[in-house]
Amino acid sequence: MDIFKKMLSGGIIRNDDPEMAEAWKVVFRAQELSPTLNASTNVDQMRKRLSEIIGTQIDKSSTLFIPFYTNFGRHIKIGKNVFINHACSFLDMGGITIEDDVQIGPRTNLVTENHPVDPSMRKHLDLKSILIKRNVWIGAGATILPGVTIGENSIVAAGAVVNKDVPANTIVGGVPARVIKQIQV
């Protein structure tokens, strides 16, 4: 299994893994392309330049506002009719999937990367994917942590820190996020 499949499988990736050099190439490419993305002057340019970074074409129904930050890019999947507002940061080595009709507020952080607690292993990566299901709304300044799934139609309140899965049709908020109420559909 190559380093990219290992990353998407989740778990510990050792910093001395011989294939980490390949992962660093992707990181450096994302850093090289990001200034061009963030200098875009219209939505079509933004969509095109982010498509270059993630390696797949973003649907014309999806919109991205700059600035946008990613440390890797190749493990981001964006569905149709997705809106990503200003100053979002996606740390995607572990994989981020955003399904259709999702709205992401400004300054949202999606973080798939962590480090082991054991000090002797702290420089290794501990990766877990994030899944944002269909029709989710994530409020401004929210942070979604590694391994979290946000269920269909749910809302994450502004400023929330989500460290556990959110059931479908649920509103969560706070630090750490807790259920505020169910959405009647």
N, C-alpha and C. Protein backbone atom coordinates (compact mmCIF):
# COMPACT_ATOMS: atom_id res chain seq x y z
N MET A 1 0.86 -1.18 0.00
CA MET A 1 0.00 0.00 0.00
C MET A 1 0.91 1.24 0.00
N ASP A 2 0.66 2.17 -0.94
CA ASP A 2 1.50 3.37 -1.00
C ASP A 2 1.11 4.36 0.11
N ILE A 3 1.91 5.37 0.28
CA ILE A 3 1.73 6.33 1.38
C ILE A 3 0.36 7.02 1.31
N PHE A 4 -0.13 7.30 0.12
CA PHE A 4 -1.40 8.01 -0.03
C PHE A 4 -2.57 7.13 0.40
N LYS A 5 -2.52 5.84 0.07
CA LYS A 5 -3.55 4.91 0.54
C LYS A 5 -3.46 4.73 2.05
N LYS A 6 -2.23 4.68 2.58
CA LYS A 6 -2.06 4.58 4.03
C LYS A 6 -2.70 5.79 4.72
N MET A 7 -2.47 6.97 4.16
CA MET A 7 -3.03 8.19 4.76
C MET A 7 -4.55 8.12 4.80
N LEU A 8 -5.16 7.71 3.68
CA LEU A 8 -6.61 7.66 3.60
C LEU A 8 -7.20 6.51 4.42
N SER A 9 -6.38 5.51 4.74
CA SER A 9 -6.83 4.41 5.60
C SER A 9 -6.90 4.84 7.06
N GLY A 10 -6.19 5.90 7.39
CA GLY A 10 -6.20 6.41 8.76
C GLY A 10 -5.18 5.71 9.65
N GLY A 11 -5.00 6.30 10.82
CA GLY A 11 -4.05 5.74 11.78
C GLY A 11 -2.72 6.46 11.74
N ILE A 12 -1.73 5.84 12.35
CA ILE A 12 -0.41 6.45 12.52
C ILE A 12 0.41 6.32 11.22
N ILE A 13 0.94 7.46 10.80
CA ILE A 13 1.91 7.51 9.71
C ILE A 13 3.21 8.00 10.32
N ARG A 14 4.20 7.14 10.29
CA ARG A 14 5.48 7.49 10.91
C ARG A 14 6.19 8.57 10.10
N ASN A 15 6.81 9.52 10.78
CA ASN A 15 7.54 10.58 10.06
C ASN A 15 8.78 10.05 9.36
N ASP A 16 9.23 8.86 9.73
CA ASP A 16 10.39 8.26 9.08
C ASP A 16 9.99 7.21 8.03
N ASP A 17 8.70 7.17 7.69
CA ASP A 17 8.25 6.28 6.62
C ASP A 17 8.98 6.67 5.34
N PRO A 18 9.62 5.73 4.66
CA PRO A 18 10.40 6.07 3.46
C PRO A 18 9.58 6.74 2.36
N GLU A 19 8.26 6.53 2.36
CA GLU A 19 7.42 7.14 1.33
C GLU A 19 6.95 8.55 1.69
N MET A 20 7.27 9.03 2.89
CA MET A 20 6.85 10.39 3.27
C MET A 20 7.41 11.44 2.33
N ALA A 21 8.52 11.16 1.68
CA ALA A 21 9.07 12.12 0.71
C ALA A 21 8.06 12.40 -0.40
N GLU A 22 7.29 11.38 -0.79
CA GLU A 22 6.25 11.58 -1.83
C GLU A 22 5.13 12.47 -1.30
N ALA A 23 4.76 12.28 -0.06
CA ALA A 23 3.72 13.13 0.55
C ALA A 23 4.20 14.58 0.65
N TRP A 24 5.45 14.76 1.01
CA TRP A 24 5.98 16.13 1.11
C TRP A 24 5.97 16.84 -0.25
N LYS A 25 6.15 16.09 -1.33
CA LYS A 25 6.07 16.70 -2.66
C LYS A 25 4.68 17.29 -2.90
N VAL A 26 3.64 16.60 -2.46
CA VAL A 26 2.28 17.09 -2.61
C VAL A 26 2.07 18.33 -1.73
N VAL A 27 2.60 18.30 -0.52
CA VAL A 27 2.51 19.46 0.38
C VAL A 27 3.16 20.68 -0.27
N PHE A 28 4.36 20.51 -0.78
CA PHE A 28 5.07 21.63 -1.39
C PHE A 28 4.36 22.14 -2.64
N ARG A 29 3.75 21.24 -3.40
CA ARG A 29 2.98 21.65 -4.57
C ARG A 29 1.78 22.49 -4.15
N ALA A 30 1.08 22.05 -3.11
CA ALA A 30 -0.08 22.82 -2.61
C ALA A 30 0.36 24.21 -2.15
N GLN A 31 1.51 24.28 -1.49
CA GLN A 31 2.01 25.57 -1.03
C GLN A 31 2.42 26.46 -2.20
N GLU A 32 2.93 25.84 -3.24
CA GLU A 32 3.34 26.58 -4.44
C GLU A 32 2.12 27.14 -5.20
N LEU A 33 1.04 26.35 -5.27
CA LEU A 33 -0.15 26.77 -6.03
C LEU A 33 -1.09 27.68 -5.24
N SER A 34 -1.03 27.65 -3.92
CA SER A 34 -1.97 28.41 -3.09
C SER A 34 -1.93 29.92 -3.32
N PRO A 35 -0.77 30.56 -3.48
CA PRO A 35 -0.79 32.00 -3.74
C PRO A 35 -1.53 32.37 -5.03
N THR A 36 -1.43 31.52 -6.06
CA THR A 36 -2.15 31.78 -7.31
C THR A 36 -3.66 31.67 -7.07
N LEU A 37 -4.07 30.65 -6.32
CA LEU A 37 -5.48 30.52 -5.96
C LEU A 37 -5.96 31.77 -5.24
N ASN A 38 -5.20 32.20 -4.25
CA ASN A 38 -5.63 33.31 -3.41
C ASN A 38 -5.45 34.68 -4.06
N ALA A 39 -4.89 34.70 -5.28
CA ALA A 39 -4.83 35.94 -6.06
C ALA A 39 -5.91 35.96 -7.16
N SER A 40 -6.78 34.96 -7.16
CA SER A 40 -7.84 34.88 -8.18
C SER A 40 -8.74 36.10 -8.08
N THR A 41 -9.31 36.49 -9.22
CA THR A 41 -10.16 37.68 -9.25
C THR A 41 -11.62 37.39 -9.55
N ASN A 42 -11.96 36.11 -9.78
CA ASN A 42 -13.37 35.76 -9.96
C ASN A 42 -13.58 34.31 -9.56
N VAL A 43 -14.85 33.94 -9.39
CA VAL A 43 -15.20 32.61 -8.89
C VAL A 43 -14.73 31.51 -9.84
N ASP A 44 -14.81 31.73 -11.15
CA ASP A 44 -14.36 30.71 -12.10
C ASP A 44 -12.87 30.43 -11.93
N GLN A 45 -12.08 31.49 -11.74
CA GLN A 45 -10.64 31.30 -11.50
C GLN A 45 -10.41 30.55 -10.20
N MET A 46 -11.14 30.93 -9.16
CA MET A 46 -10.98 30.27 -7.87
C MET A 46 -11.28 28.77 -7.99
N ARG A 47 -12.37 28.45 -8.67
CA ARG A 47 -12.77 27.05 -8.86
C ARG A 47 -11.69 26.30 -9.66
N LYS A 48 -11.21 26.90 -10.73
CA LYS A 48 -10.19 26.28 -11.58
C LYS A 48 -8.89 26.04 -10.81
N ARG A 49 -8.47 27.02 -10.06
CA ARG A 49 -7.19 26.90 -9.35
C ARG A 49 -7.27 25.92 -8.18
N LEU A 50 -8.42 25.89 -7.49
CA LEU A 50 -8.56 24.88 -6.44
C LEU A 50 -8.63 23.48 -7.06
N SER A 51 -9.25 23.36 -8.23
CA SER A 51 -9.29 22.07 -8.93
C SER A 51 -7.88 21.57 -9.22
N GLU A 52 -6.98 22.48 -9.58
CA GLU A 52 -5.57 22.12 -9.80
C GLU A 52 -4.95 21.55 -8.54
N ILE A 53 -5.21 22.20 -7.42
CA ILE A 53 -4.61 21.78 -6.15
C ILE A 53 -5.15 20.42 -5.72
N ILE A 54 -6.46 20.20 -5.85
CA ILE A 54 -7.04 18.95 -5.36
C ILE A 54 -6.95 17.82 -6.38
N GLY A 55 -6.68 18.17 -7.63
CA GLY A 55 -6.48 17.15 -8.65
C GLY A 55 -7.75 16.60 -9.28
N THR A 56 -8.89 17.20 -8.99
CA THR A 56 -10.15 16.84 -9.65
C THR A 56 -10.94 18.11 -9.93
N GLN A 57 -11.73 18.07 -10.98
CA GLN A 57 -12.51 19.23 -11.39
C GLN A 57 -13.66 19.49 -10.41
N ILE A 58 -13.74 20.71 -9.90
CA ILE A 58 -14.85 21.10 -9.05
C ILE A 58 -16.02 21.49 -9.95
N ASP A 59 -17.19 21.00 -9.62
CA ASP A 59 -18.39 21.27 -10.41
C ASP A 59 -18.68 22.77 -10.46
N LYS A 60 -19.20 23.23 -11.60
CA LYS A 60 -19.50 24.65 -11.78
C LYS A 60 -20.58 25.15 -10.82
N SER A 61 -21.34 24.25 -10.22
CA SER A 61 -22.37 24.65 -9.26
C SER A 61 -21.79 24.97 -7.89
N SER A 62 -20.52 24.64 -7.66
CA SER A 62 -19.88 24.89 -6.37
C SER A 62 -19.09 26.19 -6.42
N THR A 63 -19.05 26.87 -5.27
CA THR A 63 -18.42 28.18 -5.18
C THR A 63 -17.44 28.21 -4.02
N LEU A 64 -16.30 28.82 -4.27
CA LEU A 64 -15.26 29.00 -3.27
C LEU A 64 -14.90 30.47 -3.21
N PHE A 65 -14.81 31.03 -2.01
CA PHE A 65 -14.30 32.38 -1.83
C PHE A 65 -12.91 32.31 -1.22
N ILE A 66 -12.05 33.21 -1.64
CA ILE A 66 -10.69 33.26 -1.12
C ILE A 66 -10.63 34.27 0.03
N PRO A 67 -9.61 34.20 0.87
CA PRO A 67 -8.54 33.21 0.83
C PRO A 67 -9.01 31.83 1.27
N PHE A 68 -8.30 30.83 0.80
CA PHE A 68 -8.55 29.44 1.15
C PHE A 68 -7.19 28.80 1.42
N TYR A 69 -7.13 27.95 2.42
CA TYR A 69 -5.86 27.35 2.82
C TYR A 69 -5.98 25.83 2.89
N THR A 70 -5.00 25.15 2.33
CA THR A 70 -4.87 23.71 2.50
C THR A 70 -3.40 23.37 2.56
N ASN A 71 -3.06 22.35 3.33
CA ASN A 71 -1.67 21.94 3.43
C ASN A 71 -1.33 20.79 2.50
N PHE A 72 -2.36 20.18 1.88
CA PHE A 72 -2.13 18.98 1.06
C PHE A 72 -2.95 19.05 -0.22
N GLY A 73 -4.26 19.11 -0.08
CA GLY A 73 -5.15 19.32 -1.21
C GLY A 73 -5.62 18.07 -1.92
N ARG A 74 -4.75 17.12 -2.13
CA ARG A 74 -5.08 15.94 -2.95
C ARG A 74 -6.12 15.02 -2.31
N HIS A 75 -6.41 15.19 -1.04
CA HIS A 75 -7.38 14.32 -0.38
C HIS A 75 -8.67 15.06 -0.04
N ILE A 76 -9.00 16.09 -0.83
CA ILE A 76 -10.26 16.83 -0.68
C ILE A 76 -11.18 16.42 -1.83
N LYS A 77 -12.42 16.07 -1.49
CA LYS A 77 -13.46 15.78 -2.49
C LYS A 77 -14.62 16.72 -2.21
N ILE A 78 -15.04 17.46 -3.24
CA ILE A 78 -16.09 18.46 -3.11
C ILE A 78 -17.24 18.11 -4.06
N GLY A 79 -18.44 18.00 -3.51
CA GLY A 79 -19.62 17.65 -4.30
C GLY A 79 -20.17 18.83 -5.09
N LYS A 80 -21.41 18.70 -5.51
CA LYS A 80 -22.10 19.73 -6.30
C LYS A 80 -22.82 20.69 -5.37
N ASN A 81 -22.94 21.94 -5.86
CA ASN A 81 -23.68 22.98 -5.15
C ASN A 81 -23.16 23.20 -3.73
N VAL A 82 -21.84 23.18 -3.60
CA VAL A 82 -21.17 23.42 -2.32
C VAL A 82 -20.72 24.87 -2.29
N PHE A 83 -20.86 25.52 -1.12
CA PHE A 83 -20.38 26.89 -0.94
C PHE A 83 -19.37 26.90 0.20
N ILE A 84 -18.16 27.37 -0.09
CA ILE A 84 -17.09 27.49 0.90
C ILE A 84 -16.74 28.97 1.01
N ASN A 85 -16.99 29.55 2.17
CA ASN A 85 -16.80 30.98 2.38
C ASN A 85 -15.33 31.31 2.65
N HIS A 86 -15.06 32.59 2.89
CA HIS A 86 -13.71 33.14 3.06
C HIS A 86 -12.92 32.49 4.21
N ALA A 87 -11.62 32.37 4.02
CA ALA A 87 -10.63 32.07 5.06
C ALA A 87 -10.80 30.71 5.72
N CYS A 88 -11.26 29.72 4.94
CA CYS A 88 -11.36 28.37 5.47
C CYS A 88 -10.01 27.67 5.34
N SER A 89 -9.77 26.73 6.26
CA SER A 89 -8.52 25.98 6.28
C SER A 89 -8.84 24.49 6.34
N PHE A 90 -8.37 23.74 5.34
CA PHE A 90 -8.62 22.31 5.27
C PHE A 90 -7.27 21.59 5.37
N LEU A 91 -7.04 20.88 6.47
CA LEU A 91 -5.86 20.03 6.62
C LEU A 91 -6.34 18.62 6.28
N ASP A 92 -6.04 18.18 5.08
CA ASP A 92 -6.74 17.04 4.48
C ASP A 92 -5.91 15.79 4.27
N MET A 93 -4.77 15.64 4.88
CA MET A 93 -3.97 14.43 4.65
C MET A 93 -4.77 13.16 4.91
N GLY A 94 -5.66 13.18 5.89
CA GLY A 94 -6.48 12.02 6.23
C GLY A 94 -7.72 11.87 5.38
N GLY A 95 -8.04 12.87 4.56
CA GLY A 95 -9.19 12.80 3.66
C GLY A 95 -10.38 13.61 4.14
N ILE A 96 -10.86 14.51 3.28
CA ILE A 96 -12.06 15.30 3.55
C ILE A 96 -13.02 15.08 2.38
N THR A 97 -14.23 14.64 2.70
CA THR A 97 -15.27 14.49 1.69
C THR A 97 -16.42 15.42 2.06
N ILE A 98 -16.78 16.28 1.12
CA ILE A 98 -17.89 17.21 1.29
C ILE A 98 -18.93 16.82 0.24
N GLU A 99 -20.07 16.34 0.70
CA GLU A 99 -21.12 15.91 -0.22
C GLU A 99 -21.86 17.12 -0.79
N ASP A 100 -22.88 16.89 -1.60
CA ASP A 100 -23.64 17.93 -2.28
C ASP A 100 -24.41 18.84 -1.32
N ASP A 101 -24.61 20.09 -1.77
CA ASP A 101 -25.48 21.07 -1.10
C ASP A 101 -25.01 21.50 0.28
N VAL A 102 -23.70 21.46 0.52
CA VAL A 102 -23.13 21.85 1.81
C VAL A 102 -22.77 23.33 1.78
N GLN A 103 -23.00 24.02 2.90
CA GLN A 103 -22.58 25.41 3.08
C GLN A 103 -21.57 25.46 4.22
N ILE A 104 -20.42 26.07 3.96
CA ILE A 104 -19.36 26.17 4.96
C ILE A 104 -19.07 27.63 5.21
N GLY A 105 -19.25 28.06 6.46
CA GLY A 105 -19.07 29.46 6.83
C GLY A 105 -17.62 29.88 6.86
N PRO A 106 -17.39 31.21 6.94
CA PRO A 106 -16.03 31.74 6.94
C PRO A 106 -15.23 31.25 8.15
N ARG A 107 -13.93 31.13 7.94
CA ARG A 107 -12.97 30.75 8.97
C ARG A 107 -13.21 29.37 9.57
N THR A 108 -13.86 28.50 8.81
CA THR A 108 -14.06 27.12 9.26
C THR A 108 -12.77 26.33 9.08
N ASN A 109 -12.49 25.46 10.05
CA ASN A 109 -11.32 24.58 10.00
C ASN A 109 -11.77 23.13 9.94
N LEU A 110 -11.32 22.41 8.92
CA LEU A 110 -11.54 20.97 8.83
C LEU A 110 -10.17 20.32 8.99
N VAL A 111 -9.98 19.57 10.08
CA VAL A 111 -8.65 19.08 10.46
C VAL A 111 -8.68 17.56 10.56
N THR A 112 -7.96 16.88 9.66
CA THR A 112 -7.91 15.42 9.67
C THR A 112 -6.64 14.89 10.32
N GLU A 113 -5.81 15.78 10.79
CA GLU A 113 -4.47 15.41 11.27
C GLU A 113 -4.31 15.69 12.75
N ASN A 114 -3.68 14.75 13.42
CA ASN A 114 -3.37 14.89 14.83
C ASN A 114 -2.01 14.25 15.05
N HIS A 115 -1.56 14.23 16.30
CA HIS A 115 -0.28 13.60 16.65
C HIS A 115 -0.50 12.73 17.87
N PRO A 116 0.24 11.62 17.99
CA PRO A 116 0.09 10.75 19.15
C PRO A 116 0.44 11.50 20.45
N VAL A 117 -0.17 11.05 21.53
CA VAL A 117 0.07 11.63 22.86
C VAL A 117 1.46 11.26 23.36
N ASP A 118 1.90 10.04 23.07
CA ASP A 118 3.20 9.56 23.51
C ASP A 118 4.31 10.47 22.97
N PRO A 119 5.08 11.11 23.87
CA PRO A 119 6.12 12.04 23.41
C PRO A 119 7.14 11.42 22.44
N SER A 120 7.41 10.14 22.58
CA SER A 120 8.38 9.50 21.69
C SER A 120 7.83 9.33 20.27
N MET A 121 6.51 9.47 20.11
CA MET A 121 5.88 9.31 18.79
C MET A 121 5.26 10.61 18.29
N ARG A 122 5.44 11.69 19.01
CA ARG A 122 4.72 12.93 18.76
C ARG A 122 4.94 13.50 17.37
N LYS A 123 6.05 13.23 16.73
CA LYS A 123 6.30 13.78 15.39
C LYS A 123 5.62 12.97 14.28
N HIS A 124 5.04 11.83 14.63
CA HIS A 124 4.28 11.04 13.66
C HIS A 124 2.90 11.66 13.49
N LEU A 125 2.23 11.30 12.42
CA LEU A 125 0.87 11.77 12.17
C LEU A 125 -0.14 10.71 12.60
N ASP A 126 -1.26 11.16 13.12
CA ASP A 126 -2.40 10.29 13.41
C ASP A 126 -3.56 10.83 12.58
N LEU A 127 -3.90 10.14 11.51
CA LEU A 127 -4.86 10.64 10.52
C LEU A 127 -6.21 9.95 10.65
N LYS A 128 -7.27 10.75 10.52
CA LYS A 128 -8.64 10.24 10.48
C LYS A 128 -9.43 11.15 9.55
N SER A 129 -10.24 10.56 8.69
CA SER A 129 -10.97 11.33 7.69
C SER A 129 -12.15 12.09 8.29
N ILE A 130 -12.61 13.09 7.55
CA ILE A 130 -13.81 13.87 7.87
C ILE A 130 -14.80 13.68 6.73
N LEU A 131 -16.07 13.45 7.09
CA LEU A 131 -17.13 13.33 6.12
C LEU A 131 -18.23 14.32 6.47
N ILE A 132 -18.52 15.22 5.52
CA ILE A 132 -19.60 16.20 5.67
C ILE A 132 -20.71 15.73 4.72
N LYS A 133 -21.80 15.26 5.30
CA LYS A 133 -22.89 14.68 4.50
C LYS A 133 -23.72 15.78 3.83
N ARG A 134 -24.61 15.36 2.96
CA ARG A 134 -25.44 16.23 2.14
C ARG A 134 -26.24 17.24 2.97
N ASN A 135 -26.28 18.47 2.43
CA ASN A 135 -27.13 19.54 2.96
C ASN A 135 -26.77 20.00 4.37
N VAL A 136 -25.50 19.89 4.73
CA VAL A 136 -25.02 20.37 6.03
C VAL A 136 -24.70 21.86 5.93
N TRP A 137 -24.91 22.57 7.03
CA TRP A 137 -24.51 23.98 7.15
C TRP A 137 -23.56 24.07 8.33
N ILE A 138 -22.33 24.54 8.06
CA ILE A 138 -21.33 24.73 9.11
C ILE A 138 -21.15 26.23 9.30
N GLY A 139 -21.40 26.72 10.52
CA GLY A 139 -21.34 28.14 10.82
C GLY A 139 -19.92 28.67 10.90
N ALA A 140 -19.82 29.99 10.89
CA ALA A 140 -18.53 30.69 10.89
C ALA A 140 -17.65 30.27 12.06
N GLY A 141 -16.38 30.06 11.77
CA GLY A 141 -15.39 29.81 12.81
C GLY A 141 -15.49 28.45 13.47
N ALA A 142 -16.26 27.54 12.92
CA ALA A 142 -16.36 26.20 13.50
C ALA A 142 -15.10 25.40 13.17
N THR A 143 -14.80 24.42 14.02
CA THR A 143 -13.69 23.51 13.79
C THR A 143 -14.22 22.09 13.87
N ILE A 144 -13.93 21.31 12.82
CA ILE A 144 -14.30 19.91 12.77
C ILE A 144 -13.01 19.11 12.91
N LEU A 145 -12.94 18.25 13.93
CA LEU A 145 -11.71 17.53 14.25
C LEU A 145 -11.65 16.16 13.56
N PRO A 146 -10.47 15.50 13.61
CA PRO A 146 -10.27 14.24 12.89
C PRO A 146 -11.30 13.17 13.25
N GLY A 147 -11.73 12.44 12.21
CA GLY A 147 -12.59 11.29 12.40
C GLY A 147 -14.07 11.59 12.50
N VAL A 148 -14.47 12.84 12.34
CA VAL A 148 -15.86 13.24 12.54
C VAL A 148 -16.66 13.13 11.25
N THR A 149 -17.89 12.65 11.39
CA THR A 149 -18.89 12.68 10.32
C THR A 149 -20.00 13.61 10.78
N ILE A 150 -20.37 14.55 9.91
CA ILE A 150 -21.51 15.44 10.17
C ILE A 150 -22.67 14.90 9.35
N GLY A 151 -23.74 14.48 10.03
CA GLY A 151 -24.86 13.83 9.38
C GLY A 151 -25.67 14.75 8.49
N GLU A 152 -26.39 14.15 7.55
CA GLU A 152 -27.19 14.85 6.57
C GLU A 152 -28.13 15.87 7.23
N ASN A 153 -28.23 17.05 6.62
CA ASN A 153 -29.13 18.15 7.02
C ASN A 153 -28.76 18.81 8.34
N SER A 154 -27.65 18.43 8.95
CA SER A 154 -27.30 18.98 10.26
C SER A 154 -26.70 20.37 10.16
N ILE A 155 -26.68 21.05 11.32
CA ILE A 155 -26.11 22.39 11.42
C ILE A 155 -25.08 22.37 12.54
N VAL A 156 -23.89 22.94 12.25
CA VAL A 156 -22.86 23.15 13.26
C VAL A 156 -22.84 24.65 13.53
N ALA A 157 -23.15 25.04 14.76
CA ALA A 157 -23.23 26.46 15.12
C ALA A 157 -21.87 27.14 15.00
N ALA A 158 -21.91 28.43 14.78
CA ALA A 158 -20.69 29.23 14.69
C ALA A 158 -19.83 29.03 15.93
N GLY A 159 -18.53 28.87 15.71
CA GLY A 159 -17.57 28.75 16.80
C GLY A 159 -17.51 27.39 17.47
N ALA A 160 -18.32 26.44 17.05
CA ALA A 160 -18.33 25.11 17.67
C ALA A 160 -17.04 24.36 17.36
N VAL A 161 -16.66 23.49 18.29
CA VAL A 161 -15.55 22.57 18.08
C VAL A 161 -16.14 21.16 18.15
N VAL A 162 -16.16 20.49 16.99
CA VAL A 162 -16.84 19.20 16.88
C VAL A 162 -15.80 18.08 16.96
N ASN A 163 -15.89 17.29 18.02
CA ASN A 163 -14.93 16.19 18.22
C ASN A 163 -15.59 14.82 18.18
N LYS A 164 -16.92 14.78 17.94
CA LYS A 164 -17.66 13.52 17.83
C LYS A 164 -18.64 13.62 16.67
N ASP A 165 -19.03 12.48 16.14
CA ASP A 165 -19.99 12.45 15.04
C ASP A 165 -21.27 13.19 15.42
N VAL A 166 -21.86 13.82 14.42
CA VAL A 166 -23.12 14.54 14.57
C VAL A 166 -24.19 13.74 13.82
N PRO A 167 -25.26 13.32 14.52
CA PRO A 167 -26.32 12.58 13.81
C PRO A 167 -27.00 13.45 12.76
N ALA A 168 -27.66 12.80 11.82
CA ALA A 168 -28.44 13.52 10.81
C ALA A 168 -29.50 14.37 11.49
N ASN A 169 -29.85 15.50 10.84
CA ASN A 169 -30.95 16.36 11.28
C ASN A 169 -30.78 16.87 12.71
N THR A 170 -29.55 17.29 13.04
CA THR A 170 -29.23 17.73 14.39
C THR A 170 -28.50 19.06 14.35
N ILE A 171 -28.76 19.92 15.32
CA ILE A 171 -28.01 21.16 15.50
C ILE A 171 -27.09 20.97 16.70
N VAL A 172 -25.79 21.25 16.48
CA VAL A 172 -24.81 21.17 17.58
C VAL A 172 -24.12 22.51 17.72
N GLY A 173 -23.63 22.78 18.93
CA GLY A 173 -22.87 24.00 19.18
C GLY A 173 -22.09 23.87 20.46
N GLY A 174 -21.13 24.79 20.64
CA GLY A 174 -20.34 24.83 21.86
C GLY A 174 -18.98 24.22 21.70
N VAL A 175 -18.24 24.24 22.85
CA VAL A 175 -16.88 23.71 22.90
C VAL A 175 -16.76 22.81 24.12
N PRO A 176 -16.66 21.51 23.97
CA PRO A 176 -16.87 20.78 22.73
C PRO A 176 -18.34 20.82 22.33
N ALA A 177 -18.61 20.58 21.06
CA ALA A 177 -19.98 20.67 20.55
C ALA A 177 -20.87 19.63 21.24
N ARG A 178 -22.09 20.05 21.50
CA ARG A 178 -23.11 19.16 22.07
C ARG A 178 -24.40 19.39 21.30
N VAL A 179 -25.32 18.45 21.39
CA VAL A 179 -26.59 18.55 20.71
C VAL A 179 -27.40 19.68 21.33
N ILE A 180 -27.89 20.58 20.47
CA ILE A 180 -28.77 21.67 20.90
C ILE A 180 -30.22 21.28 20.66
N LYS A 181 -30.49 20.74 19.46
CA LYS A 181 -31.83 20.26 19.17
C LYS A 181 -31.85 19.46 17.89
N GLN A 182 -32.95 18.75 17.69
CA GLN A 182 -33.17 17.98 16.47
C GLN A 182 -33.92 18.86 15.48
N ILE A 183 -33.66 18.64 14.19
CA ILE A 183 -34.36 19.34 13.13
C ILE A 183 -35.49 18.45 12.64
N GLN A 184 -36.70 18.97 12.62
CA GLN A 184 -37.84 18.20 12.12
C GLN A 184 -37.89 18.31 10.60
N VAL A 185 -37.82 17.17 9.92
CA VAL A 185 -37.87 17.18 8.44
C VAL A 185 -39.06 16.39 7.94
